[in-house]
Amino acid sequence: MTGKTISFSINDQHENEMREILLQVYNALKEKGYNPTSQLVGYILSEDPTYITTHNNARSLIRKIDRDELLQALLKAYLK
């Protein structure tokens, strides 16, 4: 051990969790033959869960993400 304190941001951790969920949902949509980008955009705009397949529990996973937080994280990542 170096004796140094390691700091981390909860926001970064939360964004990483959102990213992992989005990747899982994206892959589930792709496996079922959907256009994942279109389906995710439809869900984000409408918050209608039927845009997301139940395959691999994707619909339950996507509901764990707050839409406003997701949009903020996406915009932040896009502008980097």
PDB file of N, CA and C in Angstrom:
ATOM      1  N   MET A   1       0.842  -1.188   0.000  1.00  0.00           N
ATOM      2  CA  MET A   1       0.000   0.000   0.000  1.00  0.00           C
ATOM      3  C   MET A   1       0.874   1.234   0.000  1.00  0.00           C
ATOM      4  N   THR A   2       0.421   2.266  -0.651  1.00  0.00           N
ATOM      5  CA  THR A   2       1.190   3.499  -0.776  1.00  0.00           C
ATOM      6  C   THR A   2       0.868   4.491   0.324  1.00  0.00           C
ATOM      7  N   GLY A   3      -0.168   4.277   1.103  1.00  0.00           N
ATOM      8  CA  GLY A   3      -0.542   5.202   2.158  1.00  0.00           C
ATOM      9  C   GLY A   3      -1.332   6.391   1.646  1.00  0.00           C
ATOM     10  N   LYS A   4      -1.652   6.389   0.340  1.00  0.00           N
ATOM     11  CA  LYS A   4      -2.419   7.498  -0.227  1.00  0.00           C
ATOM     12  C   LYS A   4      -3.906   7.177  -0.176  1.00  0.00           C
ATOM     13  N   THR A   5      -4.690   8.200   0.014  1.00  0.00           N
ATOM     14  CA  THR A   5      -6.135   8.044   0.008  1.00  0.00           C
ATOM     15  C   THR A   5      -6.621   8.072  -1.429  1.00  0.00           C
ATOM     16  N   ILE A   6      -7.451   7.122  -1.761  1.00  0.00           N
ATOM     17  CA  ILE A   6      -8.020   7.072  -3.099  1.00  0.00           C
ATOM     18  C   ILE A   6      -9.417   7.670  -3.022  1.00  0.00           C
ATOM     19  N   SER A   7      -9.686   8.629  -3.882  1.00  0.00           N
ATOM     20  CA  SER A   7     -11.025   9.210  -3.914  1.00  0.00           C
ATOM     21  C   SER A   7     -11.729   8.767  -5.192  1.00  0.00           C
ATOM     22  N   PHE A   8     -13.024   8.704  -5.104  1.00  0.00           N
ATOM     23  CA  PHE A   8     -13.820   8.366  -6.268  1.00  0.00           C
ATOM     24  C   PHE A   8     -15.088   9.190  -6.222  1.00  0.00           C
ATOM     25  N   SER A   9     -15.682   9.319  -7.386  1.00  0.00           N
ATOM     26  CA  SER A   9     -16.907  10.100  -7.486  1.00  0.00           C
ATOM     27  C   SER A   9     -18.093   9.148  -7.573  1.00  0.00           C
ATOM     28  N   ILE A  10     -19.066   9.369  -6.738  1.00  0.00           N
ATOM     29  CA  ILE A  10     -20.282   8.565  -6.808  1.00  0.00           C
ATOM     30  C   ILE A  10     -20.974   8.804  -8.137  1.00  0.00           C
ATOM     31  N   ASN A  11     -20.882  10.025  -8.655  1.00  0.00           N
ATOM     32  CA  ASN A  11     -21.494  10.317  -9.940  1.00  0.00           C
ATOM     33  C   ASN A  11     -20.884   9.467 -11.033  1.00  0.00           C
ATOM     34  N   ASP A  12     -19.553   9.326 -11.022  1.00  0.00           N
ATOM     35  CA  ASP A  12     -18.893   8.485 -12.017  1.00  0.00           C
ATOM     36  C   ASP A  12     -19.336   7.033 -11.862  1.00  0.00           C
ATOM     37  N   GLN A  13     -19.445   6.572 -10.630  1.00  0.00           N
ATOM     38  CA  GLN A  13     -19.880   5.204 -10.378  1.00  0.00           C
ATOM     39  C   GLN A  13     -21.313   5.012 -10.873  1.00  0.00           C
ATOM     40  N   HIS A  14     -22.155   5.970 -10.615  1.00  0.00           N
ATOM     41  CA  HIS A  14     -23.555   5.896 -11.056  1.00  0.00           C
ATOM     42  C   HIS A  14     -23.632   5.898 -12.581  1.00  0.00           C
ATOM     43  N   GLU A  15     -22.825   6.724 -13.211  1.00  0.00           N
ATOM     44  CA  GLU A  15     -22.809   6.765 -14.672  1.00  0.00           C
ATOM     45  C   GLU A  15     -22.306   5.444 -15.245  1.00  0.00           C
ATOM     46  N   ASN A  16     -21.343   4.829 -14.590  1.00  0.00           N
ATOM     47  CA  ASN A  16     -20.852   3.524 -15.035  1.00  0.00           C
ATOM     48  C   ASN A  16     -21.941   2.457 -14.912  1.00  0.00           C
ATOM     49  N   GLU A  17     -22.724   2.530 -13.838  1.00  0.00           N
ATOM     50  CA  GLU A  17     -23.834   1.596 -13.661  1.00  0.00           C
ATOM     51  C   GLU A  17     -24.876   1.792 -14.761  1.00  0.00           C
ATOM     52  N   MET A  18     -25.177   3.044 -15.079  1.00  0.00           N
ATOM     53  CA  MET A  18     -26.128   3.325 -16.159  1.00  0.00           C
ATOM     54  C   MET A  18     -25.592   2.787 -17.479  1.00  0.00           C
ATOM     55  N   ARG A  19     -24.306   2.972 -17.708  1.00  0.00           N
ATOM     56  CA  ARG A  19     -23.685   2.492 -18.949  1.00  0.00           C
ATOM     57  C   ARG A  19     -23.800   0.980 -19.051  1.00  0.00           C
ATOM     58  N   GLU A  20     -23.539   0.281 -17.960  1.00  0.00           N
ATOM     59  CA  GLU A  20     -23.635  -1.181 -17.959  1.00  0.00           C
ATOM     60  C   GLU A  20     -25.063  -1.639 -18.259  1.00  0.00           C
ATOM     61  N   ILE A  21     -26.031  -0.974 -17.658  1.00  0.00           N
ATOM     62  CA  ILE A  21     -27.435  -1.315 -17.912  1.00  0.00           C
ATOM     63  C   ILE A  21     -27.773  -1.060 -19.373  1.00  0.00           C
ATOM     64  N   LEU A  22     -27.357   0.085 -19.902  1.00  0.00           N
ATOM     65  CA  LEU A  22     -27.640   0.390 -21.305  1.00  0.00           C
ATOM     66  C   LEU A  22     -27.010  -0.634 -22.242  1.00  0.00           C
ATOM     67  N   LEU A  23     -25.801  -1.062 -21.941  1.00  0.00           N
ATOM     68  CA  LEU A  23     -25.147  -2.074 -22.770  1.00  0.00           C
ATOM     69  C   LEU A  23     -25.907  -3.396 -22.730  1.00  0.00           C
ATOM     70  N   GLN A  24     -26.375  -3.781 -21.564  1.00  0.00           N
ATOM     71  CA  GLN A  24     -27.147  -5.019 -21.447  1.00  0.00           C
ATOM     72  C   GLN A  24     -28.455  -4.926 -22.219  1.00  0.00           C
ATOM     73  N   VAL A  25     -29.131  -3.795 -22.102  1.00  0.00           N
ATOM     74  CA  VAL A  25     -30.392  -3.594 -22.809  1.00  0.00           C
ATOM     75  C   VAL A  25     -30.138  -3.553 -24.321  1.00  0.00           C
ATOM     76  N   TYR A  26     -29.095  -2.835 -24.729  1.00  0.00           N
ATOM     77  CA  TYR A  26     -28.727  -2.749 -26.143  1.00  0.00           C
ATOM     78  C   TYR A  26     -28.494  -4.152 -26.712  1.00  0.00           C
ATOM     79  N   ASN A  27     -27.728  -4.959 -26.002  1.00  0.00           N
ATOM     80  CA  ASN A  27     -27.422  -6.315 -26.472  1.00  0.00           C
ATOM     81  C   ASN A  27     -28.664  -7.196 -26.527  1.00  0.00           C
ATOM     82  N   ALA A  28     -29.557  -7.054 -25.556  1.00  0.00           N
ATOM     83  CA  ALA A  28     -30.801  -7.829 -25.558  1.00  0.00           C
ATOM     84  C   ALA A  28     -31.655  -7.455 -26.762  1.00  0.00           C
ATOM     85  N   LEU A  29     -31.745  -6.161 -27.048  1.00  0.00           N
ATOM     86  CA  LEU A  29     -32.514  -5.706 -28.209  1.00  0.00           C
ATOM     87  C   LEU A  29     -31.903  -6.240 -29.502  1.00  0.00           C
ATOM     88  N   LYS A  30     -30.601  -6.180 -29.589  1.00  0.00           N
ATOM     89  CA  LYS A  30     -29.895  -6.663 -30.781  1.00  0.00           C
ATOM     90  C   LYS A  30     -30.110  -8.165 -30.970  1.00  0.00           C
ATOM     91  N   GLU A  31     -30.028  -8.924 -29.881  1.00  0.00           N
ATOM     92  CA  GLU A  31     -30.237 -10.375 -29.942  1.00  0.00           C
ATOM     93  C   GLU A  31     -31.624 -10.730 -30.455  1.00  0.00           C
ATOM     94  N   LYS A  32     -32.599  -9.899 -30.134  1.00  0.00           N
ATOM     95  CA  LYS A  32     -33.971 -10.156 -30.572  1.00  0.00           C
ATOM     96  C   LYS A  32     -34.259  -9.608 -31.974  1.00  0.00           C
ATOM     97  N   GLY A  33     -33.258  -8.990 -32.612  1.00  0.00           N
ATOM     98  CA  GLY A  33     -33.418  -8.525 -33.984  1.00  0.00           C
ATOM     99  C   GLY A  33     -33.948  -7.113 -34.135  1.00  0.00           C
ATOM    100  N   TYR A  34     -34.021  -6.371 -33.049  1.00  0.00           N
ATOM    101  CA  TYR A  34     -34.480  -4.986 -33.094  1.00  0.00           C
ATOM    102  C   TYR A  34     -33.318  -4.049 -33.430  1.00  0.00           C
ATOM    103  N   ASN A  35     -33.654  -2.842 -33.854  1.00  0.00           N
ATOM    104  CA  ASN A  35     -32.657  -1.786 -34.002  1.00  0.00           C
ATOM    105  C   ASN A  35     -32.522  -1.148 -32.619  1.00  0.00           C
ATOM    106  N   PRO A  36     -31.458  -1.474 -31.884  1.00  0.00           N
ATOM    107  CA  PRO A  36     -31.340  -1.012 -30.498  1.00  0.00           C
ATOM    108  C   PRO A  36     -31.366   0.499 -30.336  1.00  0.00           C
ATOM    109  N   THR A  37     -30.737   1.203 -31.256  1.00  0.00           N
ATOM    110  CA  THR A  37     -30.702   2.661 -31.150  1.00  0.00           C
ATOM    111  C   THR A  37     -32.105   3.241 -31.256  1.00  0.00           C
ATOM    112  N   SER A  38     -32.857   2.793 -32.253  1.00  0.00           N
ATOM    113  CA  SER A  38     -34.227   3.304 -32.435  1.00  0.00           C
ATOM    114  C   SER A  38     -35.117   2.964 -31.250  1.00  0.00           C
ATOM    115  N   GLN A  39     -34.980   1.745 -30.747  1.00  0.00           N
ATOM    116  CA  GLN A  39     -35.806   1.331 -29.617  1.00  0.00           C
ATOM    117  C   GLN A  39     -35.477   2.135 -28.366  1.00  0.00           C
ATOM    118  N   LEU A  40     -34.191   2.355 -28.119  1.00  0.00           N
ATOM    119  CA  LEU A  40     -33.791   3.122 -26.937  1.00  0.00           C
ATOM    120  C   LEU A  40     -34.222   4.582 -27.052  1.00  0.00           C
ATOM    121  N   VAL A  41     -34.105   5.162 -28.229  1.00  0.00           N
ATOM    122  CA  VAL A  41     -34.564   6.544 -28.426  1.00  0.00           C
ATOM    123  C   VAL A  41     -36.071   6.625 -28.181  1.00  0.00           C
ATOM    124  N   GLY A  42     -36.812   5.670 -28.717  1.00  0.00           N
ATOM    125  CA  GLY A  42     -38.258   5.640 -28.489  1.00  0.00           C
ATOM    126  C   GLY A  42     -38.592   5.564 -27.014  1.00  0.00           C
ATOM    127  N   TYR A  43     -37.869   4.736 -26.294  1.00  0.00           N
ATOM    128  CA  TYR A  43     -38.108   4.625 -24.856  1.00  0.00           C
ATOM    129  C   TYR A  43     -37.756   5.913 -24.129  1.00  0.00           C
ATOM    130  N   ILE A  44     -36.617   6.493 -24.458  1.00  0.00           N
ATOM    131  CA  ILE A  44     -36.183   7.718 -23.778  1.00  0.00           C
ATOM    132  C   ILE A  44     -37.174   8.856 -24.021  1.00  0.00           C
ATOM    133  N   LEU A  45     -37.656   8.975 -25.240  1.00  0.00           N
ATOM    134  CA  LEU A  45     -38.592  10.062 -25.557  1.00  0.00           C
ATOM    135  C   LEU A  45     -39.962   9.866 -24.932  1.00  0.00           C
ATOM    136  N   SER A  46     -40.428   8.626 -24.871  1.00  0.00           N
ATOM    137  CA  SER A  46     -41.802   8.377 -24.424  1.00  0.00           C
ATOM    138  C   SER A  46     -41.906   7.768 -23.026  1.00  0.00           C
ATOM    139  N   GLU A  47     -40.845   7.140 -22.567  1.00  0.00           N
ATOM    140  CA  GLU A  47     -40.817   6.363 -21.330  1.00  0.00           C
ATOM    141  C   GLU A  47     -41.824   5.207 -21.380  1.00  0.00           C
ATOM    142  N   ASP A  48     -42.139   4.775 -22.590  1.00  0.00           N
ATOM    143  CA  ASP A  48     -43.026   3.629 -22.797  1.00  0.00           C
ATOM    144  C   ASP A  48     -42.176   2.360 -22.770  1.00  0.00           C
ATOM    145  N   PRO A  49     -42.350   1.515 -21.759  1.00  0.00           N
ATOM    146  CA  PRO A  49     -41.491   0.341 -21.619  1.00  0.00           C
ATOM    147  C   PRO A  49     -41.649  -0.695 -22.728  1.00  0.00           C
ATOM    148  N   THR A  50     -42.718  -0.602 -23.512  1.00  0.00           N
ATOM    149  CA  THR A  50     -42.905  -1.590 -24.581  1.00  0.00           C
ATOM    150  C   THR A  50     -41.880  -1.433 -25.703  1.00  0.00           C
ATOM    151  N   TYR A  51     -41.131  -0.352 -25.720  1.00  0.00           N
ATOM    152  CA  TYR A  51     -40.030  -0.209 -26.680  1.00  0.00           C
ATOM    153  C   TYR A  51     -38.884  -1.169 -26.353  1.00  0.00           C
ATOM    154  N   ILE A  52     -38.856  -1.669 -25.126  1.00  0.00           N
ATOM    155  CA  ILE A  52     -37.756  -2.506 -24.666  1.00  0.00           C
ATOM    156  C   ILE A  52     -38.258  -3.939 -24.475  1.00  0.00           C
ATOM    157  N   THR A  53     -37.520  -4.877 -25.019  1.00  0.00           N
ATOM    158  CA  THR A  53     -37.864  -6.289 -24.908  1.00  0.00           C
ATOM    159  C   THR A  53     -37.732  -6.786 -23.469  1.00  0.00           C
ATOM    160  N   THR A  54     -38.464  -7.837 -23.175  1.00  0.00           N
ATOM    161  CA  THR A  54     -38.322  -8.482 -21.867  1.00  0.00           C
ATOM    162  C   THR A  54     -37.172  -9.491 -21.881  1.00  0.00           C
ATOM    163  N   HIS A  55     -36.616  -9.755 -23.056  1.00  0.00           N
ATOM    164  CA  HIS A  55     -35.505 -10.695 -23.208  1.00  0.00           C
ATOM    165  C   HIS A  55     -34.354 -10.290 -22.290  1.00  0.00           C
ATOM    166  N   ASN A  56     -33.798 -11.258 -21.585  1.00  0.00           N
ATOM    167  CA  ASN A  56     -32.686 -11.037 -20.645  1.00  0.00           C
ATOM    168  C   ASN A  56     -33.001  -9.969 -19.594  1.00  0.00           C
ATOM    169  N   ASN A  57     -34.288  -9.839 -19.266  1.00  0.00           N
ATOM    170  CA  ASN A  57     -34.714  -8.908 -18.210  1.00  0.00           C
ATOM    171  C   ASN A  57     -34.436  -7.437 -18.565  1.00  0.00           C
ATOM    172  N   ALA A  58     -34.323  -7.146 -19.866  1.00  0.00           N
ATOM    173  CA  ALA A  58     -33.954  -5.795 -20.311  1.00  0.00           C
ATOM    174  C   ALA A  58     -34.962  -4.736 -19.880  1.00  0.00           C
ATOM    175  N   ARG A  59     -36.241  -5.058 -19.931  1.00  0.00           N
ATOM    176  CA  ARG A  59     -37.257  -4.066 -19.578  1.00  0.00           C
ATOM    177  C   ARG A  59     -37.158  -3.675 -18.103  1.00  0.00           C
ATOM    178  N   SER A  60     -36.921  -4.638 -17.256  1.00  0.00           N
ATOM    179  CA  SER A  60     -36.753  -4.340 -15.826  1.00  0.00           C
ATOM    180  C   SER A  60     -35.480  -3.543 -15.578  1.00  0.00           C
ATOM    181  N   LEU A  61     -34.432  -3.882 -16.300  1.00  0.00           N
ATOM    182  CA  LEU A  61     -33.165  -3.169 -16.125  1.00  0.00           C
ATOM    183  C   LEU A  61     -33.285  -1.700 -16.509  1.00  0.00           C
ATOM    184  N   ILE A  62     -33.894  -1.420 -17.659  1.00  0.00           N
ATOM    185  CA  ILE A  62     -33.956  -0.035 -18.140  1.00  0.00           C
ATOM    186  C   ILE A  62     -34.771   0.837 -17.190  1.00  0.00           C
ATOM    187  N   ARG A  63     -35.711   0.243 -16.482  1.00  0.00           N
ATOM    188  CA  ARG A  63     -36.537   1.012 -15.550  1.00  0.00           C
ATOM    189  C   ARG A  63     -35.784   1.415 -14.291  1.00  0.00           C
ATOM    190  N   LYS A  64     -34.592   0.865 -14.098  1.00  0.00           N
ATOM    191  CA  LYS A  64     -33.758   1.253 -12.962  1.00  0.00           C
ATOM    192  C   LYS A  64     -33.057   2.589 -13.207  1.00  0.00           C
ATOM    193  N   ILE A  65     -33.088   3.056 -14.451  1.00  0.00           N
ATOM    194  CA  ILE A  65     -32.397   4.293 -14.816  1.00  0.00           C
ATOM    195  C   ILE A  65     -33.405   5.436 -14.857  1.00  0.00           C
ATOM    196  N   ASP A  66     -33.094   6.514 -14.164  1.00  0.00           N
ATOM    197  CA  ASP A  66     -33.910   7.723 -14.235  1.00  0.00           C
ATOM    198  C   ASP A  66     -33.657   8.388 -15.582  1.00  0.00           C
ATOM    199  N   ARG A  67     -34.720   8.656 -16.320  1.00  0.00           N
ATOM    200  CA  ARG A  67     -34.590   9.232 -17.666  1.00  0.00           C
ATOM    201  C   ARG A  67     -33.849  10.552 -17.678  1.00  0.00           C
ATOM    202  N   ASP A  68     -34.126  11.430 -16.734  1.00  0.00           N
ATOM    203  CA  ASP A  68     -33.454  12.730 -16.691  1.00  0.00           C
ATOM    204  C   ASP A  68     -31.956  12.567 -16.453  1.00  0.00           C
ATOM    205  N   GLU A  69     -31.601  11.670 -15.534  1.00  0.00           N
ATOM    206  CA  GLU A  69     -30.178  11.412 -15.275  1.00  0.00           C
ATOM    207  C   GLU A  69     -29.505  10.820 -16.506  1.00  0.00           C
ATOM    208  N   LEU A  70     -30.218   9.940 -17.190  1.00  0.00           N
ATOM    209  CA  LEU A  70     -29.676   9.333 -18.404  1.00  0.00           C
ATOM    210  C   LEU A  70     -29.426  10.389 -19.471  1.00  0.00           C
ATOM    211  N   LEU A  71     -30.383  11.268 -19.676  1.00  0.00           N
ATOM    212  CA  LEU A  71     -30.212  12.325 -20.680  1.00  0.00           C
ATOM    213  C   LEU A  71     -29.044  13.242 -20.327  1.00  0.00           C
ATOM    214  N   GLN A  72     -28.901  13.573 -19.055  1.00  0.00           N
ATOM    215  CA  GLN A  72     -27.776  14.399 -18.623  1.00  0.00           C
ATOM    216  C   GLN A  72     -26.457  13.703 -18.898  1.00  0.00           C
ATOM    217  N   ALA A  73     -26.378  12.419 -18.570  1.00  0.00           N
ATOM    218  CA  ALA A  73     -25.146  11.664 -18.789  1.00  0.00           C
ATOM    219  C   ALA A  73     -24.830  11.532 -20.275  1.00  0.00           C
ATOM    220  N   LEU A  74     -25.855  11.295 -21.086  1.00  0.00           N
ATOM    221  CA  LEU A  74     -25.640  11.193 -22.534  1.00  0.00           C
ATOM    222  C   LEU A  74     -25.150  12.504 -23.131  1.00  0.00           C
ATOM    223  N   LEU A  75     -25.768  13.595 -22.706  1.00  0.00           N
ATOM    224  CA  LEU A  75     -25.367  14.905 -23.215  1.00  0.00           C
ATOM    225  C   LEU A  75     -23.934  15.240 -22.777  1.00  0.00           C
ATOM    226  N   LYS A  76     -23.639  14.961 -21.533  1.00  0.00           N
ATOM    227  CA  LYS A  76     -22.292  15.197 -21.006  1.00  0.00           C
ATOM    228  C   LYS A  76     -21.257  14.399 -21.789  1.00  0.00           C
ATOM    229  N   ALA A  77     -21.550  13.113 -22.044  1.00  0.00           N
ATOM    230  CA  ALA A  77     -20.614  12.264 -22.799  1.00  0.00           C
ATOM    231  C   ALA A  77     -20.501  12.730 -24.244  1.00  0.00           C
ATOM    232  N   TYR A  78     -21.583  13.151 -24.831  1.00  0.00           N
ATOM    233  CA  TYR A  78     -21.563  13.609 -26.227  1.00  0.00           C
ATOM    234  C   TYR A  78     -20.730  14.886 -26.392  1.00  0.00           C
ATOM    235  N   LEU A  79     -20.810  15.767 -25.411  1.00  0.00           N
ATOM    236  CA  LEU A  79     -20.092  17.045 -25.516  1.00  0.00           C
ATOM    237  C   LEU A  79     -18.626  16.947 -25.123  1.00  0.00           C
ATOM    238  N   LYS A  80     -18.193  15.828 -24.586  1.00  0.00           N
ATOM    239  CA  LYS A  80     -16.774  15.675 -24.213  1.00  0.00           C
ATOM    240  C   LYS A  80     -15.900  15.605 -25.441  1.00  0.00           C
TER     241      LYS A  80
END
